[in-house]
């Protein structure tokens, strides 16, 4: 153990690049007791309240793409450039388990549980065995990982593939086994989410590391692996080339006068990367909630959360500095820059060019690196300071997870409650009008009333919006208007004010993140006089 750590920390001049720590010997347990205990805790945290919250819009899109209970055509799989592997997993699992919230999220939870031993093994090989147990416990309790382990999306599968590909690349297997293992892990990662490609510079560095004598052969093998991956990904790559507007990335391109931003008035903000770091540290459930942020949280709203924001910055800032120093002592700082900085720059550039909106989940490939930096810092502390650090992190994570499980203000929109309201009070001949995020309404309400949609983008032209609303209301014996997530297309709340002012006698219901109006038979918008 001591010899391995010494050679890792102080490479000789004959070894320009540090060799990865050796894997456990045959006599070592496959899963050390500390890692096993962390894995069990992770299972509890990820399975608890798994189906408690409603699905949100992106989870419903996953439900659509999985075609659960129906035949999944090959063309649908090839058209899915945002995570076909996860959809295939859900399609197969859903045939047995159904399409409830619990069933749709369980694969993500299982991937999240498997990530704990995977990250521990990666920590041992990249930073040294002493970091394996801290890495396992950090992965087990991370609110960011718990959040995505309880979401029917592909991000825990992506992060698991990140860990497995790193374990393969830093292992001591033969070149052939290493190449085949990496090909499988990388293909799975790319089919989980194309953001896996952001790790290409890091993986090339790991693959090429070693004695200079064999570097040419290793680079040639890397070229063959890249060609194989391109061939395996060709159907989805061709689809992505035809679907996405790649011209937006051209450096000389200027925004046209009539060009509509992807979301709101801009797709990037100076606070984007600090917010991503905060989310990596404590998830989305400590500090301002996502609904507050989407609604344009004011300085006063941020100040209300000042104490927890300051404590988060203090605790994780200190651990981060210690971790960066620990990574540098192990001669892995260049790896870290490729792992964290490259994805951050690419995702920020995409947002700045109005190609892809910025969100911390698009940096999920870097989340394992974030946890490993913390693990390195914790591992180098003395026992007393390690206990204090663990207590501080547990305090913040306990508060964040408490909000996640029990505080509706931090939860997803309550589409399930809205659908239950309509099912209980709706009458024959009435209709449901979904506005804003329409797909979750279709998932939750499967009753006899007809479900129609109204595009909220008309809010930029109120007269046109009023005209379209009257068209939707015409002939119905009553209409249940279900409005959710209006911030993107109607940030000024034009539609809600139109309903409140035009139908003052309508019954109104407020649920978490969802508003419902019940308009009587023959309703028509009462437009104000010019």
Protein backbone atom coordinates (compact mmCIF):
# COMPACT_ATOMS: atom_id res chain seq x y z
CA UNK A 1 0.00 0.00 0.00
CA UNK A 2 2.74 2.43 0.98
CA UNK A 3 4.87 1.61 -2.03
CA UNK A 4 1.96 2.05 -4.42
CA UNK A 5 1.11 5.43 -2.97
CA UNK A 6 4.73 6.58 -3.07
CA UNK A 7 5.20 5.70 -6.72
CA UNK A 8 1.93 7.43 -7.55
CA UNK A 9 2.84 10.64 -5.74
CA UNK A 10 6.50 10.95 -6.80
CA UNK A 11 7.13 9.45 -10.25
CA UNK A 12 10.76 9.11 -11.27
CA UNK A 13 12.23 10.80 -14.30
CA UNK A 14 11.99 7.50 -16.21
CA UNK A 15 8.24 7.54 -15.68
CA UNK A 16 6.97 10.84 -17.11
CA UNK A 17 3.33 9.97 -16.49
CA UNK A 18 2.12 8.39 -13.24
CA UNK A 19 0.94 4.83 -13.46
CA UNK A 20 -2.50 4.14 -12.05
CA UNK A 21 -2.62 2.53 -8.61
CA UNK A 22 -2.60 -1.26 -8.85
CA UNK A 23 -5.94 -3.04 -8.61
CA UNK A 24 -6.75 -5.03 -5.48
CA UNK A 25 -4.92 -8.30 -5.13
CA UNK A 26 -6.76 -11.58 -5.47
CA UNK A 27 -6.85 -11.91 -1.69
CA UNK A 28 -8.57 -8.53 -1.24
CA UNK A 29 -12.37 -8.59 -0.89
CA UNK A 30 -14.25 -7.74 -4.09
CA UNK A 31 -16.30 -5.17 -2.17
CA UNK A 32 -14.64 -3.85 1.03
CA UNK A 33 -16.97 -3.57 4.04
CA UNK A 34 -17.02 0.24 3.94
CA UNK A 35 -17.97 0.27 0.26
CA UNK A 36 -20.60 -2.42 0.83
CA UNK A 37 -22.14 -0.40 3.67
CA UNK A 38 -22.17 2.73 1.49
CA UNK A 39 -23.88 0.76 -1.28
CA UNK A 40 -26.61 -0.38 1.09
CA UNK A 41 -27.16 3.19 2.30
CA UNK A 42 -27.33 4.31 -1.32
CA UNK A 43 -30.03 1.73 -1.99
CA UNK A 44 -32.13 3.04 0.91
CA UNK A 45 -31.77 6.67 -0.16
CA UNK A 46 -32.62 5.94 -3.80
CA UNK A 47 -35.56 3.59 -3.24
CA UNK A 48 -37.19 5.67 -0.48
CA UNK A 49 -40.16 7.66 -1.86
CA UNK A 50 -39.18 6.58 -5.38
CA UNK A 51 -42.68 7.04 -6.78
CA UNK A 52 -43.79 9.78 -4.40
CA UNK A 53 -43.53 12.75 -6.76
CA UNK A 54 -45.28 13.25 -10.09
CA UNK A 55 -43.34 12.73 -13.27
CA UNK A 56 -42.17 15.96 -14.83
CA UNK A 57 -42.19 16.78 -18.52
CA UNK A 58 -38.83 15.20 -19.46
CA UNK A 59 -39.71 11.99 -17.65
CA UNK A 60 -42.94 11.80 -19.64
CA UNK A 61 -40.89 12.23 -22.81
CA UNK A 62 -38.90 9.20 -21.66
CA UNK A 63 -42.19 7.34 -21.24
CA UNK A 64 -43.15 8.23 -24.81
CA UNK A 65 -39.80 7.13 -26.22
CA UNK A 66 -39.88 3.77 -24.37
CA UNK A 67 -43.22 2.67 -25.93
CA UNK A 68 -43.98 0.52 -22.91
CA UNK A 69 -46.57 -2.16 -23.59
CA UNK A 70 -46.30 -1.71 -27.36
CA UNK A 71 -43.92 -2.77 -30.09
CA UNK A 72 -40.86 -0.48 -30.25
CA UNK A 73 -40.10 0.07 -33.95
CA UNK A 74 -36.45 0.13 -34.95
CA UNK A 75 -36.94 3.49 -36.65
CA UNK A 76 -38.05 4.97 -33.32
CA UNK A 77 -34.88 3.69 -31.66
CA UNK A 78 -32.72 5.19 -34.40
CA UNK A 79 -34.59 8.49 -34.23
CA UNK A 80 -33.85 8.80 -30.51
CA UNK A 81 -30.57 10.76 -30.33
CA UNK A 82 -31.00 11.71 -26.67
CA UNK A 83 -30.55 8.30 -25.02
CA UNK A 84 -31.77 5.24 -26.94
CA UNK A 85 -30.11 2.80 -24.54
CA UNK A 86 -32.11 4.07 -21.57
CA UNK A 87 -35.33 3.89 -23.60
CA UNK A 88 -34.54 0.30 -24.59
CA UNK A 89 -33.92 -0.61 -20.95
CA UNK A 90 -37.24 0.94 -19.92
CA UNK A 91 -39.06 -0.74 -22.81
CA UNK A 92 -37.88 -4.16 -21.68
CA UNK A 93 -38.31 -3.52 -17.97
CA UNK A 94 -41.70 -1.87 -18.43
CA UNK A 95 -43.07 -4.90 -20.23
CA UNK A 96 -42.82 -6.66 -16.88
CA UNK A 97 -43.19 -3.81 -14.35
CA UNK A 98 -45.61 -1.45 -16.12
CA UNK A 99 -45.36 2.31 -16.54
CA UNK A 100 -46.02 3.69 -13.06
CA UNK A 101 -43.72 6.34 -11.61
CA UNK A 102 -41.99 3.66 -9.55
CA UNK A 103 -41.45 1.38 -12.53
CA UNK A 104 -40.16 4.16 -14.78
CA UNK A 105 -37.66 5.33 -12.15
CA UNK A 106 -36.41 2.01 -10.79
CA UNK A 107 -33.77 1.44 -13.51
CA UNK A 108 -32.31 4.88 -12.75
CA UNK A 109 -32.22 3.97 -9.05
CA UNK A 110 -30.42 0.70 -9.79
CA UNK A 111 -27.86 2.46 -11.97
CA UNK A 112 -27.37 4.98 -9.16
CA UNK A 113 -26.81 2.21 -6.63
CA UNK A 114 -24.29 0.48 -8.92
CA UNK A 115 -22.40 3.75 -9.26
CA UNK A 116 -21.24 3.58 -5.62
CA UNK A 117 -18.88 0.57 -5.99
CA UNK A 118 -17.98 1.71 -9.50
CA UNK A 119 -16.84 5.12 -8.27
CA UNK A 120 -14.96 3.49 -5.39
CA UNK A 121 -13.06 1.27 -7.83
CA UNK A 122 -12.32 4.26 -10.07
CA UNK A 123 -11.06 6.24 -7.07
CA UNK A 124 -8.69 3.43 -6.11
CA UNK A 125 -7.24 3.24 -9.59
CA UNK A 126 -7.02 6.96 -10.27
CA UNK A 127 -6.08 8.38 -6.87
CA UNK A 128 -5.14 5.48 -4.60
CA UNK A 129 -6.92 2.90 -2.46
CA UNK A 130 -7.20 5.25 0.49
CA UNK A 131 -9.76 7.31 -1.48
CA UNK A 132 -12.09 4.37 -2.29
CA UNK A 133 -14.15 4.43 0.92
CA UNK A 134 -14.62 8.25 0.98
CA UNK A 135 -15.62 8.14 -2.69
CA UNK A 136 -18.19 5.42 -1.99
CA UNK A 137 -19.80 7.34 0.88
CA UNK A 138 -19.84 10.59 -1.12
CA UNK A 139 -21.53 8.81 -4.02
CA UNK A 140 -24.03 7.17 -1.67
CA UNK A 141 -25.25 10.40 -0.08
CA UNK A 142 -24.86 12.96 -2.86
CA UNK A 143 -28.22 14.77 -3.28
CA UNK A 144 -27.36 15.36 -6.94
CA UNK A 145 -27.02 11.63 -7.52
CA UNK A 146 -30.11 10.82 -5.42
CA UNK A 147 -32.12 13.32 -7.50
CA UNK A 148 -31.20 11.69 -10.81
CA UNK A 149 -31.50 8.19 -9.34
CA UNK A 150 -35.14 9.06 -8.68
CA UNK A 151 -35.80 10.45 -12.14
CA UNK A 152 -36.82 8.49 -15.24
CA UNK A 153 -33.99 9.94 -17.29
CA UNK A 154 -30.65 8.67 -18.55
CA UNK A 155 -28.17 10.55 -16.36
CA UNK A 156 -27.35 7.88 -13.76
CA UNK A 157 -26.75 5.42 -16.59
CA UNK A 158 -24.46 8.00 -18.20
CA UNK A 159 -22.48 8.57 -14.98
CA UNK A 160 -22.23 4.83 -14.35
CA UNK A 161 -20.72 4.42 -17.83
CA UNK A 162 -18.29 7.25 -17.05
CA UNK A 163 -17.08 5.33 -14.00
CA UNK A 164 -16.89 1.96 -15.76
CA UNK A 165 -14.99 3.33 -18.75
CA UNK A 166 -12.47 4.95 -16.41
CA UNK A 167 -12.03 1.71 -14.46
CA UNK A 168 -11.31 -0.11 -17.72
CA UNK A 169 -8.85 2.48 -19.01
CA UNK A 170 -6.91 2.62 -15.73
CA UNK A 171 -6.89 -1.16 -15.29
CA UNK A 172 -4.09 -3.60 -15.91
CA UNK A 173 -5.87 -5.93 -18.35
CA UNK A 174 -4.29 -6.98 -21.63
CA UNK A 175 -4.50 -4.56 -24.51
CA UNK A 176 -7.19 -6.61 -26.27
CA UNK A 177 -9.38 -6.97 -23.17
CA UNK A 178 -8.87 -3.32 -22.31
CA UNK A 179 -9.89 -2.27 -25.81
CA UNK A 180 -13.00 -4.45 -25.90
CA UNK A 181 -14.00 -3.40 -22.39
CA UNK A 182 -13.62 0.26 -23.23
CA UNK A 183 -15.48 -0.14 -26.53
CA UNK A 184 -18.46 -1.63 -24.67
CA UNK A 185 -18.44 1.00 -21.89
CA UNK A 186 -17.98 3.93 -24.28
CA UNK A 187 -20.67 2.72 -26.70
CA UNK A 188 -23.08 2.31 -23.79
CA UNK A 189 -22.13 5.77 -22.51
CA UNK A 190 -22.68 7.42 -25.88
CA UNK A 191 -26.02 5.65 -26.33
CA UNK A 192 -26.97 6.75 -22.83
CA UNK A 193 -26.23 10.39 -23.69
CA UNK A 194 -24.03 11.94 -26.34
CA UNK A 195 -22.43 14.21 -23.73
CA UNK A 196 -20.23 11.20 -22.95
CA UNK A 197 -18.17 12.39 -25.95
CA UNK A 198 -16.97 15.34 -23.85
CA UNK A 199 -14.59 12.92 -22.13
CA UNK A 200 -12.71 12.08 -25.34
CA UNK A 201 -9.60 14.19 -24.51
CA UNK A 202 -9.35 12.64 -21.03
CA UNK A 203 -9.81 9.10 -22.33
CA UNK A 204 -7.20 9.63 -25.04
CA UNK A 205 -4.74 10.78 -22.38
CA UNK A 206 -5.45 7.73 -20.22
CA UNK A 207 -5.19 5.35 -23.15
CA UNK A 208 -1.88 6.84 -24.33
CA UNK A 209 -0.31 6.92 -20.83
CA UNK A 210 2.61 4.59 -20.25
CA UNK A 211 6.16 4.01 -21.49
CA UNK A 212 7.20 6.04 -24.52
CA UNK A 213 8.26 2.92 -26.39
CA UNK A 214 4.71 1.72 -27.01
CA UNK A 215 2.96 5.06 -27.39
CA UNK A 216 2.68 4.89 -31.18
CA UNK A 217 0.96 1.51 -30.99
CA UNK A 218 -1.38 2.77 -28.29
CA UNK A 219 -2.34 5.81 -30.36
CA UNK A 220 -2.96 3.60 -33.40
CA UNK A 221 -5.19 1.39 -31.26
CA UNK A 222 -7.01 4.50 -30.05
CA UNK A 223 -7.68 5.45 -33.67
CA UNK A 224 -9.14 2.00 -34.35
CA UNK A 225 -11.37 2.27 -31.27
CA UNK A 226 -12.56 5.72 -32.37
CA UNK A 227 -13.36 4.39 -35.86
CA UNK A 228 -15.27 1.46 -34.36
CA UNK A 229 -17.29 3.79 -32.14
CA UNK A 230 -18.11 6.07 -35.07
CA UNK A 231 -19.29 3.07 -37.06
CA UNK A 232 -21.46 1.83 -34.19
CA UNK A 233 -22.92 5.31 -33.67
CA UNK A 234 -23.41 6.15 -37.35
CA UNK A 235 -27.24 5.77 -37.40
CA UNK A 236 -27.70 8.19 -34.51
CA UNK A 237 -24.92 10.54 -35.63
CA UNK A 238 -26.53 10.99 -39.04
CA UNK A 239 -29.85 11.74 -37.37
CA UNK A 240 -28.23 14.31 -35.05
CA UNK A 241 -26.58 16.02 -38.04
CA UNK A 242 -29.95 16.46 -39.70
CA UNK A 243 -31.94 17.48 -36.60
CA UNK A 244 -29.71 19.95 -34.76
CA UNK A 245 -28.92 23.42 -36.06
CA UNK A 246 -25.13 23.13 -36.20
CA UNK A 247 -24.80 26.48 -37.97
CA UNK A 248 -25.38 28.17 -34.62
CA UNK A 249 -21.90 27.01 -33.55
CA UNK A 250 -20.08 28.80 -36.36
CA UNK A 251 -17.84 31.45 -34.74
CA UNK A 252 -18.52 34.01 -37.47
CA UNK A 253 -22.28 33.57 -37.37
CA UNK A 254 -24.35 36.45 -36.02
CA UNK A 255 -27.81 36.23 -34.49
CA UNK A 256 -30.50 37.19 -36.98
CA UNK A 257 -33.12 39.80 -36.14
CA UNK A 258 -36.00 37.34 -35.93
CA UNK A 259 -34.14 34.46 -34.28
CA UNK A 260 -35.88 33.08 -31.23
CA UNK A 261 -33.66 32.06 -28.30
CA UNK A 262 -34.02 28.48 -27.15
CA UNK A 263 -35.46 29.39 -23.77
CA UNK A 264 -36.35 32.80 -22.39
CA UNK A 265 -34.26 35.81 -23.29
CA UNK A 266 -30.88 34.07 -23.11
CA UNK A 267 -29.39 30.62 -22.83
CA UNK A 268 -26.42 31.46 -20.63
CA UNK A 269 -25.89 33.44 -17.44
CA UNK A 270 -22.71 34.41 -15.58
CA UNK A 271 -23.99 32.45 -12.57
CA UNK A 272 -24.45 29.25 -14.61
CA UNK A 273 -21.18 27.57 -13.60
CA UNK A 274 -21.42 28.59 -9.91
CA UNK A 275 -24.97 27.24 -9.91
CA UNK A 276 -23.72 23.98 -11.43
CA UNK A 277 -21.08 23.71 -8.71
CA UNK A 278 -23.77 24.34 -6.07
CA UNK A 279 -25.98 21.64 -7.63
CA UNK A 280 -23.06 19.19 -7.72
CA UNK A 281 -22.45 19.91 -4.03
CA UNK A 282 -25.96 19.82 -2.52
CA UNK A 283 -28.37 19.10 -5.38
CA UNK A 284 -31.33 21.25 -6.32
CA UNK A 285 -33.02 21.09 -2.93
CA UNK A 286 -30.94 23.44 -0.80
CA UNK A 287 -31.16 27.14 -1.47
CA UNK A 288 -33.66 28.61 -3.98
CA UNK A 289 -35.93 25.95 -5.48
CA UNK A 290 -35.99 25.30 -9.20
CA UNK A 291 -39.40 26.95 -9.46
CA UNK A 292 -38.03 30.09 -7.81
CA UNK A 293 -35.12 30.13 -10.24
CA UNK A 294 -37.29 29.53 -13.30
CA UNK A 295 -39.54 32.37 -12.21
CA UNK A 296 -36.52 34.67 -12.03
CA UNK A 297 -35.60 34.57 -8.35
CA UNK A 298 -35.02 38.10 -7.09
CA UNK A 299 -32.10 39.19 -4.94
CA UNK A 300 -34.48 39.10 -1.98
CA UNK A 301 -35.30 35.44 -2.69
CA UNK A 302 -31.61 34.58 -2.86
CA UNK A 303 -30.97 36.47 0.37
CA UNK A 304 -33.67 34.42 2.10
CA UNK A 305 -31.52 31.38 1.41
CA UNK A 306 -28.30 33.20 2.29
CA UNK A 307 -27.32 31.10 5.34
CA UNK A 308 -27.46 27.72 3.58
CA UNK A 309 -25.79 29.15 0.46
CA UNK A 310 -22.97 30.60 2.54
CA UNK A 311 -22.53 27.40 4.55
CA UNK A 312 -22.49 25.33 1.36
CA UNK A 313 -19.84 27.57 -0.17
CA UNK A 314 -17.75 27.44 3.03
CA UNK A 315 -17.86 23.66 3.52
CA UNK A 316 -17.47 22.55 -0.08
CA UNK A 317 -15.13 25.41 -0.92
CA UNK A 318 -12.75 24.28 1.84
CA UNK A 319 -13.05 20.61 0.87
CA UNK A 320 -12.59 21.55 -2.77
CA UNK A 321 -9.35 23.41 -2.09
CA UNK A 322 -8.05 20.50 -0.01
CA UNK A 323 -9.14 18.08 -2.73
CA UNK A 324 -7.45 20.02 -5.52
CA UNK A 325 -4.22 20.03 -3.53
CA UNK A 326 -4.57 16.29 -2.91
CA UNK A 327 -5.16 15.62 -6.60
CA UNK A 328 -2.15 17.74 -7.51
CA UNK A 329 0.04 15.80 -5.04
CA UNK A 330 -0.99 12.62 -6.84
CA UNK A 331 0.01 14.18 -10.18
CA UNK A 332 -3.53 13.94 -11.56
CA UNK A 333 -4.28 17.64 -12.00
CA UNK A 334 -3.95 17.58 -15.78
CA UNK A 335 -6.46 14.72 -15.86
CA UNK A 336 -8.83 16.78 -13.74
CA UNK A 337 -8.65 19.76 -16.08
CA UNK A 338 -9.60 17.59 -19.04
CA UNK A 339 -12.35 15.92 -17.02
CA UNK A 340 -14.00 19.04 -15.61
CA UNK A 341 -12.88 22.09 -17.58
CA UNK A 342 -13.42 20.77 -21.11
CA UNK A 343 -17.10 19.79 -20.53
CA UNK A 344 -17.75 23.10 -18.74
CA UNK A 345 -16.31 25.12 -21.62
CA UNK A 346 -18.13 23.14 -24.31
CA UNK A 347 -21.53 23.26 -22.59
CA UNK A 348 -21.08 26.98 -21.87
CA UNK A 349 -20.14 27.62 -25.49
CA UNK A 350 -23.22 25.74 -26.70
CA UNK A 351 -25.40 27.90 -24.45
CA UNK A 352 -23.69 31.12 -25.48
CA UNK A 353 -24.22 30.26 -29.16
CA UNK A 354 -27.92 29.52 -28.53
CA UNK A 355 -27.35 25.88 -29.56
CA UNK A 356 -28.23 24.17 -26.28
CA UNK A 357 -29.53 25.61 -23.03
CA UNK A 358 -27.26 25.43 -20.00
CA UNK A 359 -28.14 23.03 -17.21
CA UNK A 360 -25.98 21.24 -14.61
CA UNK A 361 -27.25 17.87 -15.85
CA UNK A 362 -25.44 18.47 -19.14
CA UNK A 363 -22.23 18.45 -17.10
CA UNK A 364 -23.10 15.10 -15.49
CA UNK A 365 -19.98 13.50 -17.02
CA UNK A 366 -17.93 15.71 -14.67
CA UNK A 367 -19.88 14.88 -11.50
CA UNK A 368 -17.73 11.79 -10.71
CA UNK A 369 -14.64 14.01 -10.90
CA UNK A 370 -16.23 16.46 -8.46
CA UNK A 371 -16.84 13.67 -5.95
CA UNK A 372 -13.35 12.23 -6.44
CA UNK A 373 -11.77 15.60 -5.71
CA UNK A 374 -13.70 15.72 -2.45
CA UNK A 375 -12.73 12.11 -1.69
CA UNK A 376 -9.05 12.90 -2.18
CA UNK A 377 -9.29 15.85 0.18
CA UNK A 378 -11.11 13.83 2.84
CA UNK A 379 -8.68 10.91 2.54
CA UNK A 380 -5.70 13.18 3.28
CA UNK A 381 -7.24 14.61 6.46
CA UNK A 382 -6.43 13.35 9.92
CA UNK A 383 -9.05 11.33 11.74
CA UNK A 384 -10.44 14.23 13.78
CA UNK A 385 -10.68 16.61 10.85
CA UNK A 386 -12.18 13.87 8.72
CA UNK A 387 -14.95 13.39 11.25
CA UNK A 388 -15.64 17.14 11.33
CA UNK A 389 -15.73 17.28 7.52
CA UNK A 390 -18.09 14.30 7.38
CA UNK A 391 -20.38 15.92 9.96
CA UNK A 392 -20.51 19.21 8.02
CA UNK A 393 -21.30 17.44 4.74
CA UNK A 394 -23.89 15.23 6.45
CA UNK A 395 -25.60 18.31 7.91
CA UNK A 396 -25.96 19.96 4.50
CA UNK A 397 -26.91 16.78 2.69
CA UNK A 398 -29.41 15.84 5.38
CA UNK A 399 -31.16 19.19 4.97
CA UNK A 400 -31.13 18.89 1.18
CA UNK A 401 -32.47 15.32 1.17
CA UNK A 402 -35.11 16.28 3.73
CA UNK A 403 -36.37 18.95 1.31
CA UNK A 404 -36.19 16.45 -1.55
CA UNK A 405 -38.31 13.85 0.19
CA UNK A 406 -40.73 15.93 2.24
CA UNK A 407 -40.96 19.58 1.11
CA UNK A 408 -43.36 20.06 -1.85
CA UNK A 409 -41.82 23.44 -2.65
CA UNK A 410 -38.73 21.62 -3.89
CA UNK A 411 -40.68 18.84 -5.59
CA UNK A 412 -41.80 18.33 -9.14
CA UNK A 413 -45.06 19.78 -10.42
CA UNK A 414 -48.14 18.02 -9.07
CA UNK A 415 -49.66 16.79 -12.32
CA UNK A 416 -50.98 13.73 -10.56
CA UNK A 417 -53.04 15.89 -8.19
CA UNK A 418 -54.38 17.95 -11.09
CA UNK A 419 -55.45 14.82 -12.97
CA UNK A 420 -57.11 13.46 -9.83
CA UNK A 421 -59.05 16.71 -9.45
CA UNK A 422 -60.34 16.52 -13.02
CA UNK A 423 -61.18 12.82 -12.69
CA UNK A 424 -63.20 13.44 -9.52
CA UNK A 425 -65.07 16.59 -10.58
CA UNK A 426 -65.16 16.40 -14.38
CA UNK A 427 -68.55 15.85 -16.05
CA UNK A 428 -69.59 14.30 -19.34
CA UNK A 429 -69.16 16.66 -22.28
CA UNK A 430 -66.38 18.67 -20.64
CA UNK A 431 -62.82 18.83 -21.91
CA UNK A 432 -59.30 19.22 -20.53
CA UNK A 433 -57.12 21.99 -22.00
CA UNK A 434 -53.41 21.46 -21.27
CA UNK A 435 -51.31 24.63 -21.45
CA UNK A 436 -47.57 24.96 -20.92
CA UNK A 437 -46.21 21.46 -20.32
CA UNK A 438 -48.91 19.41 -22.03
CA UNK A 439 -47.41 15.89 -22.08
CA UNK A 440 -47.62 15.20 -18.31
CA UNK A 441 -51.35 15.94 -18.46
CA UNK A 442 -51.72 13.28 -21.15
CA UNK A 443 -49.78 10.80 -19.01
CA UNK A 444 -51.78 11.36 -15.83
CA UNK A 445 -55.26 11.97 -17.14
CA UNK A 446 -56.54 8.93 -19.02
CA UNK A 447 -60.23 9.45 -18.30
CA UNK A 448 -63.21 9.89 -20.60
CA UNK A 449 -62.82 13.65 -21.15
CA UNK A 450 -61.13 14.82 -24.32
CA UNK A 451 -57.66 16.32 -23.79
CA UNK A 452 -56.75 19.26 -26.03
CA UNK A 453 -53.71 21.56 -26.08
CA UNK A 454 -53.08 25.27 -26.40
CA UNK A 455 -49.60 26.47 -27.34
CA UNK A 456 -48.44 29.07 -24.86
CA UNK A 457 -46.15 30.70 -27.40
CA UNK A 458 -49.12 32.83 -28.47
CA UNK A 459 -48.57 34.81 -25.25
CA UNK A 460 -46.23 37.10 -27.19
CA UNK A 461 -49.32 38.17 -29.17
CA UNK A 462 -52.16 38.51 -26.62
CA UNK A 463 -54.88 39.16 -29.23
CA UNK A 464 -53.92 35.98 -31.04
CA UNK A 465 -53.81 34.09 -27.73
CA UNK A 466 -57.33 35.28 -26.88
CA UNK A 467 -58.56 34.22 -30.30
CA UNK A 468 -57.02 30.76 -29.98
CA UNK A 469 -58.43 30.33 -26.48
CA UNK A 470 -61.95 31.15 -27.67
CA UNK A 471 -61.55 28.59 -30.46
CA UNK A 472 -60.61 25.92 -27.94
CA UNK A 473 -63.52 26.77 -25.64
CA UNK A 474 -66.18 26.87 -28.35
CA UNK A 475 -68.79 24.14 -28.09
CA UNK A 476 -67.54 22.58 -24.85
CA UNK A 477 -69.93 22.03 -21.96
CA UNK A 478 -67.10 22.94 -19.62
CA UNK A 479 -63.30 23.19 -19.74
CA UNK A 480 -60.61 22.29 -17.21
CA UNK A 481 -57.59 24.47 -18.01
CA UNK A 482 -54.38 22.96 -16.60
CA UNK A 483 -51.43 25.40 -16.70
CA UNK A 484 -47.88 24.48 -15.73
CA UNK A 485 -44.31 25.66 -16.44
CA UNK A 486 -45.35 28.92 -18.14
CA UNK A 487 -42.01 30.63 -17.47
CA UNK A 488 -40.33 29.78 -20.76
CA UNK A 489 -42.99 30.96 -23.22
CA UNK A 490 -44.99 33.30 -20.98
CA UNK A 491 -42.59 34.78 -18.42
CA UNK A 492 -44.90 37.75 -17.75
CA UNK A 493 -47.91 35.57 -16.94
CA UNK A 494 -50.12 36.93 -19.73
CA UNK A 495 -52.23 33.76 -20.00
CA UNK A 496 -52.96 33.45 -16.28
CA UNK A 497 -53.99 37.12 -16.07
CA UNK A 498 -56.16 36.65 -19.14
CA UNK A 499 -58.06 33.80 -17.48
CA UNK A 500 -58.36 35.58 -14.13
CA UNK A 501 -59.63 38.75 -15.74
CA UNK A 502 -61.78 37.16 -18.43
CA UNK A 503 -63.44 34.54 -16.20
CA UNK A 504 -63.74 36.08 -12.74
CA UNK A 505 -66.34 33.52 -11.63
CA UNK A 506 -64.32 30.44 -12.65
CA UNK A 507 -63.34 27.95 -9.96
CA UNK A 508 -59.60 28.07 -9.32
CA UNK A 509 -57.25 25.48 -7.83
CA UNK A 510 -53.56 25.83 -6.98
CA UNK A 511 -51.32 22.81 -6.67
CA UNK A 512 -47.54 22.69 -6.45
CA UNK A 513 -46.37 24.10 -9.77
CA UNK A 514 -49.78 23.65 -11.43
CA UNK A 515 -52.81 25.94 -11.70
CA UNK A 516 -56.29 24.71 -12.69
CA UNK A 517 -59.34 26.74 -13.78
CA UNK A 518 -62.79 25.26 -14.32
CA UNK A 519 -64.68 27.22 -16.95
CA UNK A 520 -68.40 26.67 -17.27
CA UNK A 521 -70.39 25.68 -20.40
CA UNK A 522 -70.40 28.11 -23.28
CA UNK A 523 -67.52 30.11 -21.81
CA UNK A 524 -65.93 32.75 -24.01
CA UNK A 525 -63.24 35.22 -23.12
CA UNK A 526 -64.57 38.57 -21.95
CA UNK A 527 -62.20 40.89 -23.76
CA UNK A 528 -61.69 44.33 -22.36
CA UNK A 529 -62.82 47.28 -24.49
CA UNK A 530 -60.01 49.13 -26.32
